[in-house]
Each structure stands twice: as C-alpha cells, then as structure tokens.
Amino acid sequence: MKTGKKIGDMSVDELKAELARLKDNLCDLEDLHAYTFGKTTVHIGGEKARNMQAEYDDECREYNDRIAEIEKDLKSKGAL
C-alpha cells in the first residue's frame, strides 16, 4: 500500500478522501477474505492457507495503521 504524499503534507480534504478510500479498501479486503475462507468450497493446502492468512493480517495491519495515522492528524488539525 504505497501512497505518494506523506500524511503531514496532505490538506484536510486530502486526508478525509484518503481516510474514506482506506476504509473502503479495508472493507473490500475483509469481505474478500471472509468469502474466500468462509463461503467457498475451494480446497487449498494448509501452507497456502497460512500464507494467505499472514498476508491478509499484514494488509489489514497496514490499512489500520495508516487509518490511525490519518485520524490522529485530522484530530490534531481539529477536523475530526
């Protein structure tokens, strides 16, 4: 998850747009994960499943960390 601008360099409007985008992407990721592991009959090996889970956990952590950073910056600017 790479972005072009640092959080501190973004305007309030850019931060709000980025926050909405990240939350939407995280929701999509969670839905895809739930569907893949809960609602399909796809059979995958244990190692592949562990790798997919680890990748999912890492992506969620990145999204949540970035969301927290943006929310903190918005709060410091009095915009949240």
PDB file of N, CA and C in Angstrom:
ATOM      1  N   MET A   1       0.851  -1.172   0.000  1.00  0.00           N
ATOM      2  CA  MET A   1       0.000   0.000   0.000  1.00  0.00           C
ATOM      3  C   MET A   1       0.892   1.229   0.000  1.00  0.00           C
ATOM      4  N   LYS A   2       1.211   1.708  -1.151  1.00  0.00           N
ATOM      5  CA  LYS A   2       2.078   2.878  -1.294  1.00  0.00           C
ATOM      6  C   LYS A   2       1.227   4.092  -1.638  1.00  0.00           C
ATOM      7  N   THR A   3       1.606   5.213  -1.065  1.00  0.00           N
ATOM      8  CA  THR A   3       0.930   6.467  -1.377  1.00  0.00           C
ATOM      9  C   THR A   3       1.984   7.491  -1.743  1.00  0.00           C
ATOM     10  N   GLY A   4       1.597   8.512  -2.493  1.00  0.00           N
ATOM     11  CA  GLY A   4       2.532   9.500  -2.973  1.00  0.00           C
ATOM     12  C   GLY A   4       2.913  10.551  -1.953  1.00  0.00           C
ATOM     13  N   LYS A   5       1.998  10.951  -1.118  1.00  0.00           N
ATOM     14  CA  LYS A   5       2.235  12.047  -0.178  1.00  0.00           C
ATOM     15  C   LYS A   5       2.337  11.543   1.248  1.00  0.00           C
ATOM     16  N   LYS A   6       3.134  12.245   2.037  1.00  0.00           N
ATOM     17  CA  LYS A   6       3.190  11.960   3.462  1.00  0.00           C
ATOM     18  C   LYS A   6       1.952  12.574   4.118  1.00  0.00           C
ATOM     19  N   ILE A   7       1.521  11.968   5.183  1.00  0.00           N
ATOM     20  CA  ILE A   7       0.303  12.428   5.858  1.00  0.00           C
ATOM     21  C   ILE A   7       0.412  13.896   6.262  1.00  0.00           C
ATOM     22  N   GLY A   8       1.543  14.293   6.799  1.00  0.00           N
ATOM     23  CA  GLY A   8       1.723  15.668   7.248  1.00  0.00           C
ATOM     24  C   GLY A   8       1.671  16.696   6.131  1.00  0.00           C
ATOM     25  N   ASP A   9       1.873  16.250   4.894  1.00  0.00           N
ATOM     26  CA  ASP A   9       1.856  17.154   3.744  1.00  0.00           C
ATOM     27  C   ASP A   9       0.476  17.268   3.091  1.00  0.00           C
ATOM     28  N   MET A  10      -0.495  16.503   3.575  1.00  0.00           N
ATOM     29  CA  MET A  10      -1.828  16.484   2.974  1.00  0.00           C
ATOM     30  C   MET A  10      -2.722  17.544   3.600  1.00  0.00           C
ATOM     31  N   SER A  11      -3.616  18.081   2.781  1.00  0.00           N
ATOM     32  CA  SER A  11      -4.622  19.011   3.290  1.00  0.00           C
ATOM     33  C   SER A  11      -5.712  18.208   4.001  1.00  0.00           C
ATOM     34  N   VAL A  12      -6.563  18.898   4.713  1.00  0.00           N
ATOM     35  CA  VAL A  12      -7.663  18.236   5.418  1.00  0.00           C
ATOM     36  C   VAL A  12      -8.547  17.485   4.432  1.00  0.00           C
ATOM     37  N   ASP A  13      -8.864  18.104   3.301  1.00  0.00           N
ATOM     38  CA  ASP A  13      -9.700  17.430   2.304  1.00  0.00           C
ATOM     39  C   ASP A  13      -9.021  16.182   1.749  1.00  0.00           C
ATOM     40  N   GLU A  14      -7.716  16.269   1.503  1.00  0.00           N
ATOM     41  CA  GLU A  14      -6.978  15.104   1.017  1.00  0.00           C
ATOM     42  C   GLU A  14      -6.954  13.997   2.067  1.00  0.00           C
ATOM     43  N   LEU A  15      -6.778  14.383   3.327  1.00  0.00           N
ATOM     44  CA  LEU A  15      -6.778  13.396   4.406  1.00  0.00           C
ATOM     45  C   LEU A  15      -8.130  12.697   4.521  1.00  0.00           C
ATOM     46  N   LYS A  16      -9.201  13.466   4.431  1.00  0.00           N
ATOM     47  CA  LYS A  16     -10.540  12.869   4.514  1.00  0.00           C
ATOM     48  C   LYS A  16     -10.804  11.923   3.344  1.00  0.00           C
ATOM     49  N   ALA A  17     -10.360  12.309   2.156  1.00  0.00           N
ATOM     50  CA  ALA A  17     -10.535  11.450   0.980  1.00  0.00           C
ATOM     51  C   ALA A  17      -9.704  10.180   1.123  1.00  0.00           C
ATOM     52  N   GLU A  18      -8.487  10.317   1.602  1.00  0.00           N
ATOM     53  CA  GLU A  18      -7.613   9.158   1.805  1.00  0.00           C
ATOM     54  C   GLU A  18      -8.175   8.243   2.883  1.00  0.00           C
ATOM     55  N   LEU A  19      -8.715   8.820   3.946  1.00  0.00           N
ATOM     56  CA  LEU A  19      -9.330   8.031   5.009  1.00  0.00           C
ATOM     57  C   LEU A  19     -10.510   7.222   4.471  1.00  0.00           C
ATOM     58  N   ALA A  20     -11.360   7.852   3.699  1.00  0.00           N
ATOM     59  CA  ALA A  20     -12.513   7.146   3.114  1.00  0.00           C
ATOM     60  C   ALA A  20     -12.050   6.029   2.185  1.00  0.00           C
ATOM     61  N   ARG A  21     -11.020   6.304   1.383  1.00  0.00           N
ATOM     62  CA  ARG A  21     -10.504   5.310   0.452  1.00  0.00           C
ATOM     63  C   ARG A  21      -9.927   4.112   1.203  1.00  0.00           C
ATOM     64  N   LEU A  22      -9.155   4.387   2.244  1.00  0.00           N
ATOM     65  CA  LEU A  22      -8.547   3.303   3.018  1.00  0.00           C
ATOM     66  C   LEU A  22      -9.597   2.447   3.718  1.00  0.00           C
ATOM     67  N   LYS A  23     -10.596   3.089   4.298  1.00  0.00           N
ATOM     68  CA  LYS A  23     -11.654   2.339   4.970  1.00  0.00           C
ATOM     69  C   LYS A  23     -12.425   1.471   3.979  1.00  0.00           C
ATOM     70  N   ASP A  24     -12.676   1.999   2.785  1.00  0.00           N
ATOM     71  CA  ASP A  24     -13.359   1.239   1.749  1.00  0.00           C
ATOM     72  C   ASP A  24     -12.509   0.052   1.298  1.00  0.00           C
ATOM     73  N   ASN A  25     -11.221   0.296   1.099  1.00  0.00           N
ATOM     74  CA  ASN A  25     -10.322  -0.785   0.686  1.00  0.00           C
ATOM     75  C   ASN A  25     -10.222  -1.865   1.754  1.00  0.00           C
ATOM     76  N   LEU A  26     -10.160  -1.456   3.019  1.00  0.00           N
ATOM     77  CA  LEU A  26     -10.099  -2.421   4.115  1.00  0.00           C
ATOM     78  C   LEU A  26     -11.371  -3.256   4.159  1.00  0.00           C
ATOM     79  N   CYS A  27     -12.504  -2.621   3.971  1.00  0.00           N
ATOM     80  CA  CYS A  27     -13.786  -3.339   3.954  1.00  0.00           C
ATOM     81  C   CYS A  27     -13.817  -4.352   2.809  1.00  0.00           C
ATOM     82  N   ASP A  28     -13.351  -3.937   1.631  1.00  0.00           N
ATOM     83  CA  ASP A  28     -13.298  -4.849   0.484  1.00  0.00           C
ATOM     84  C   ASP A  28     -12.387  -6.037   0.772  1.00  0.00           C
ATOM     85  N   LEU A  29     -11.241  -5.774   1.386  1.00  0.00           N
ATOM     86  CA  LEU A  29     -10.293  -6.833   1.723  1.00  0.00           C
ATOM     87  C   LEU A  29     -10.916  -7.814   2.710  1.00  0.00           C
ATOM     88  N   GLU A  30     -11.597  -7.286   3.719  1.00  0.00           N
ATOM     89  CA  GLU A  30     -12.244  -8.142   4.713  1.00  0.00           C
ATOM     90  C   GLU A  30     -13.351  -8.983   4.075  1.00  0.00           C
ATOM     91  N   ASP A  31     -14.135  -8.385   3.186  1.00  0.00           N
ATOM     92  CA  ASP A  31     -15.192  -9.127   2.503  1.00  0.00           C
ATOM     93  C   ASP A  31     -14.614 -10.245   1.645  1.00  0.00           C
ATOM     94  N   LEU A  32     -13.555  -9.944   0.911  1.00  0.00           N
ATOM     95  CA  LEU A  32     -12.919 -10.944   0.057  1.00  0.00           C
ATOM     96  C   LEU A  32     -12.366 -12.083   0.902  1.00  0.00           C
ATOM     97  N   HIS A  33     -11.732 -11.742   2.008  1.00  0.00           N
ATOM     98  CA  HIS A  33     -11.175 -12.767   2.897  1.00  0.00           C
ATOM     99  C   HIS A  33     -12.283 -13.652   3.468  1.00  0.00           C
ATOM    100  N   ALA A  34     -13.350 -13.029   3.941  1.00  0.00           N
ATOM    101  CA  ALA A  34     -14.464 -13.790   4.513  1.00  0.00           C
ATOM    102  C   ALA A  34     -15.079 -14.713   3.459  1.00  0.00           C
ATOM    103  N   TYR A  35     -15.215 -14.226   2.242  1.00  0.00           N
ATOM    104  CA  TYR A  35     -15.785 -15.044   1.173  1.00  0.00           C
ATOM    105  C   TYR A  35     -14.857 -16.203   0.840  1.00  0.00           C
ATOM    106  N   THR A  36     -13.575 -15.907   0.714  1.00  0.00           N
ATOM    107  CA  THR A  36     -12.607 -16.935   0.334  1.00  0.00           C
ATOM    108  C   THR A  36     -12.541 -18.050   1.365  1.00  0.00           C
ATOM    109  N   PHE A  37     -12.531 -17.685   2.640  1.00  0.00           N
ATOM    110  CA  PHE A  37     -12.358 -18.692   3.680  1.00  0.00           C
ATOM    111  C   PHE A  37     -13.658 -19.175   4.299  1.00  0.00           C
ATOM    112  N   GLY A  38     -14.753 -18.497   4.046  1.00  0.00           N
ATOM    113  CA  GLY A  38     -15.976 -18.888   4.713  1.00  0.00           C
ATOM    114  C   GLY A  38     -17.103 -19.348   3.817  1.00  0.00           C
ATOM    115  N   LYS A  39     -17.097 -18.919   2.585  1.00  0.00           N
ATOM    116  CA  LYS A  39     -18.274 -19.179   1.756  1.00  0.00           C
ATOM    117  C   LYS A  39     -17.953 -19.894   0.451  1.00  0.00           C
ATOM    118  N   THR A  40     -16.753 -20.380   0.310  1.00  0.00           N
ATOM    119  CA  THR A  40     -16.420 -21.095  -0.919  1.00  0.00           C
ATOM    120  C   THR A  40     -16.115 -22.541  -0.601  1.00  0.00           C
ATOM    121  N   THR A  41     -16.102 -23.325  -1.621  1.00  0.00           N
ATOM    122  CA  THR A  41     -15.741 -24.731  -1.457  1.00  0.00           C
ATOM    123  C   THR A  41     -14.362 -24.985  -2.054  1.00  0.00           C
ATOM    124  N   VAL A  42     -13.596 -23.913  -2.189  1.00  0.00           N
ATOM    125  CA  VAL A  42     -12.250 -24.032  -2.728  1.00  0.00           C
ATOM    126  C   VAL A  42     -11.391 -24.790  -1.719  1.00  0.00           C
ATOM    127  N   HIS A  43     -10.649 -25.736  -2.222  1.00  0.00           N
ATOM    128  CA  HIS A  43      -9.764 -26.505  -1.359  1.00  0.00           C
ATOM    129  C   HIS A  43      -8.339 -26.047  -1.608  1.00  0.00           C
ATOM    130  N   ILE A  44      -7.733 -25.545  -0.567  1.00  0.00           N
ATOM    131  CA  ILE A  44      -6.353 -25.099  -0.663  1.00  0.00           C
ATOM    132  C   ILE A  44      -5.546 -25.804   0.416  1.00  0.00           C
ATOM    133  N   GLY A  45      -4.283 -25.957   0.155  1.00  0.00           N
ATOM    134  CA  GLY A  45      -3.422 -26.631   1.115  1.00  0.00           C
ATOM    135  C   GLY A  45      -3.206 -25.806   2.360  1.00  0.00           C
ATOM    136  N   GLY A  46      -2.792 -26.464   3.415  1.00  0.00           N
ATOM    137  CA  GLY A  46      -2.580 -25.799   4.692  1.00  0.00           C
ATOM    138  C   GLY A  46      -1.540 -24.705   4.624  1.00  0.00           C
ATOM    139  N   GLU A  47      -0.434 -24.957   3.924  1.00  0.00           N
ATOM    140  CA  GLU A  47       0.622 -23.944   3.832  1.00  0.00           C
ATOM    141  C   GLU A  47       0.134 -22.719   3.073  1.00  0.00           C
ATOM    142  N   LYS A  48      -0.579 -22.947   1.992  1.00  0.00           N
ATOM    143  CA  LYS A  48      -1.125 -21.836   1.207  1.00  0.00           C
ATOM    144  C   LYS A  48      -2.120 -21.041   2.041  1.00  0.00           C
ATOM    145  N   ALA A  49      -2.951 -21.739   2.789  1.00  0.00           N
ATOM    146  CA  ALA A  49      -3.933 -21.056   3.641  1.00  0.00           C
ATOM    147  C   ALA A  49      -3.232 -20.209   4.699  1.00  0.00           C
ATOM    148  N   ARG A  50      -2.174 -20.740   5.305  1.00  0.00           N
ATOM    149  CA  ARG A  50      -1.423 -19.975   6.308  1.00  0.00           C
ATOM    150  C   ARG A  50      -0.775 -18.741   5.675  1.00  0.00           C
ATOM    151  N   ASN A  51      -0.219 -18.913   4.489  1.00  0.00           N
ATOM    152  CA  ASN A  51       0.396 -17.784   3.789  1.00  0.00           C
ATOM    153  C   ASN A  51      -0.641 -16.715   3.450  1.00  0.00           C
ATOM    154  N   MET A  52      -1.815 -17.161   2.997  1.00  0.00           N
ATOM    155  CA  MET A  52      -2.888 -16.217   2.675  1.00  0.00           C
ATOM    156  C   MET A  52      -3.349 -15.485   3.927  1.00  0.00           C
ATOM    157  N   GLN A  53      -3.446 -16.183   5.042  1.00  0.00           N
ATOM    158  CA  GLN A  53      -3.863 -15.569   6.304  1.00  0.00           C
ATOM    159  C   GLN A  53      -2.821 -14.559   6.769  1.00  0.00           C
ATOM    160  N   ALA A  54      -1.553 -14.914   6.668  1.00  0.00           N
ATOM    161  CA  ALA A  54      -0.486 -13.999   7.088  1.00  0.00           C
ATOM    162  C   ALA A  54      -0.483 -12.744   6.215  1.00  0.00           C
ATOM    163  N   GLU A  55      -0.674 -12.918   4.924  1.00  0.00           N
ATOM    164  CA  GLU A  55      -0.731 -11.777   4.008  1.00  0.00           C
ATOM    165  C   GLU A  55      -1.928 -10.886   4.334  1.00  0.00           C
ATOM    166  N   TYR A  56      -3.064 -11.511   4.601  1.00  0.00           N
ATOM    167  CA  TYR A  56      -4.276 -10.777   4.977  1.00  0.00           C
ATOM    168  C   TYR A  56      -4.044  -9.985   6.259  1.00  0.00           C
ATOM    169  N   ASP A  57      -3.451 -10.640   7.259  1.00  0.00           N
ATOM    170  CA  ASP A  57      -3.182  -9.964   8.530  1.00  0.00           C
ATOM    171  C   ASP A  57      -2.259  -8.760   8.329  1.00  0.00           C
ATOM    172  N   ASP A  58      -1.229  -8.929   7.506  1.00  0.00           N
ATOM    173  CA  ASP A  58      -0.291  -7.833   7.233  1.00  0.00           C
ATOM    174  C   ASP A  58      -0.992  -6.668   6.538  1.00  0.00           C
ATOM    175  N   GLU A  59      -1.810  -6.979   5.533  1.00  0.00           N
ATOM    176  CA  GLU A  59      -2.524  -5.920   4.815  1.00  0.00           C
ATOM    177  C   GLU A  59      -3.490  -5.175   5.734  1.00  0.00           C
ATOM    178  N   CYS A  60      -4.210  -5.912   6.552  1.00  0.00           N
ATOM    179  CA  CYS A  60      -5.142  -5.280   7.493  1.00  0.00           C
ATOM    180  C   CYS A  60      -4.390  -4.380   8.469  1.00  0.00           C
ATOM    181  N   ARG A  61      -3.262  -4.854   8.965  1.00  0.00           N
ATOM    182  CA  ARG A  61      -2.459  -4.063   9.893  1.00  0.00           C
ATOM    183  C   ARG A  61      -1.981  -2.772   9.223  1.00  0.00           C
ATOM    184  N   GLU A  62      -1.524  -2.870   7.960  1.00  0.00           N
ATOM    185  CA  GLU A  62      -1.088  -1.679   7.233  1.00  0.00           C
ATOM    186  C   GLU A  62      -2.230  -0.681   7.065  1.00  0.00           C
ATOM    187  N   TYR A  63      -3.398  -1.172   6.656  1.00  0.00           N
ATOM    188  CA  TYR A  63      -4.553  -0.288   6.500  1.00  0.00           C
ATOM    189  C   TYR A  63      -4.922   0.359   7.839  1.00  0.00           C
ATOM    190  N   ASN A  64      -5.001  -0.443   8.892  1.00  0.00           N
ATOM    191  CA  ASN A  64      -5.393   0.087  10.199  1.00  0.00           C
ATOM    192  C   ASN A  64      -4.374   1.082  10.742  1.00  0.00           C
ATOM    193  N   ASP A  65      -3.091   0.820  10.528  1.00  0.00           N
ATOM    194  CA  ASP A  65      -2.056   1.763  10.961  1.00  0.00           C
ATOM    195  C   ASP A  65      -2.177   3.083  10.215  1.00  0.00           C
ATOM    196  N   ARG A  66      -2.378   3.012   8.923  1.00  0.00           N
ATOM    197  CA  ARG A  66      -2.497   4.228   8.107  1.00  0.00           C
ATOM    198  C   ARG A  66      -3.767   4.999   8.487  1.00  0.00           C
ATOM    199  N   ILE A  67      -4.866   4.283   8.694  1.00  0.00           N
ATOM    200  CA  ILE A  67      -6.121   4.915   9.118  1.00  0.00           C
ATOM    201  C   ILE A  67      -5.913   5.638  10.446  1.00  0.00           C
ATOM    202  N   ALA A  68      -5.240   4.980  11.391  1.00  0.00           N
ATOM    203  CA  ALA A  68      -4.985   5.595  12.700  1.00  0.00           C
ATOM    204  C   ALA A  68      -4.118   6.849  12.563  1.00  0.00           C
ATOM    205  N   GLU A  69      -3.113   6.796  11.691  1.00  0.00           N
ATOM    206  CA  GLU A  69      -2.255   7.963  11.459  1.00  0.00           C
ATOM    207  C   GLU A  69      -3.062   9.136  10.920  1.00  0.00           C
ATOM    208  N   ILE A  70      -3.912   8.858   9.955  1.00  0.00           N
ATOM    209  CA  ILE A  70      -4.703   9.918   9.333  1.00  0.00           C
ATOM    210  C   ILE A  70      -5.703  10.488  10.335  1.00  0.00           C
ATOM    211  N   GLU A  71      -6.366   9.618  11.093  1.00  0.00           N
ATOM    212  CA  GLU A  71      -7.312  10.096  12.094  1.00  0.00           C
ATOM    213  C   GLU A  71      -6.608  10.958  13.146  1.00  0.00           C
ATOM    214  N   LYS A  72      -5.409  10.567  13.550  1.00  0.00           N
ATOM    215  CA  LYS A  72      -4.640  11.353  14.520  1.00  0.00           C
ATOM    216  C   LYS A  72      -4.300  12.723  13.947  1.00  0.00           C
ATOM    217  N   ASP A  73      -3.877  12.761  12.683  1.00  0.00           N
ATOM    218  CA  ASP A  73      -3.536  14.027  12.053  1.00  0.00           C
ATOM    219  C   ASP A  73      -4.772  14.921  11.884  1.00  0.00           C
ATOM    220  N   LEU A  74      -5.890  14.308  11.497  1.00  0.00           N
ATOM    221  CA  LEU A  74      -7.132  15.083  11.368  1.00  0.00           C
ATOM    222  C   LEU A  74      -7.562  15.651  12.722  1.00  0.00           C
ATOM    223  N   LYS A  75      -7.430  14.864  13.779  1.00  0.00           N
ATOM    224  CA  LYS A  75      -7.781  15.343  15.123  1.00  0.00           C
ATOM    225  C   LYS A  75      -6.885  16.510  15.524  1.00  0.00           C
ATOM    226  N   SER A  76      -5.587  16.389  15.214  1.00  0.00           N
ATOM    227  CA  SER A  76      -4.656  17.470  15.579  1.00  0.00           C
ATOM    228  C   SER A  76      -4.964  18.756  14.818  1.00  0.00           C
ATOM    229  N   LYS A  77      -5.602  18.613  13.648  1.00  0.00           N
ATOM    230  CA  LYS A  77      -5.988  19.783  12.842  1.00  0.00           C
ATOM    231  C   LYS A  77      -7.409  20.244  13.159  1.00  0.00           C
ATOM    232  N   GLY A  78      -8.054  19.549  14.108  1.00  0.00           N
ATOM    233  CA  GLY A  78      -9.414  19.915  14.505  1.00  0.00           C
ATOM    234  C   GLY A  78     -10.449  19.587  13.456  1.00  0.00           C
ATOM    235  N   ALA A  79     -10.139  18.638  12.601  1.00  0.00           N
ATOM    236  CA  ALA A  79     -11.058  18.318  11.501  1.00  0.00           C
ATOM    237  C   ALA A  79     -11.785  16.985  11.702  1.00  0.00           C
ATOM    238  N   LEU A  80     -11.610  16.389  12.851  1.00  0.00           N
ATOM    239  CA  LEU A  80     -12.295  15.107  13.088  1.00  0.00           C
ATOM    240  C   LEU A  80     -12.869  15.087  14.484  1.00  0.00           C
TER     241      LEU A  80
END
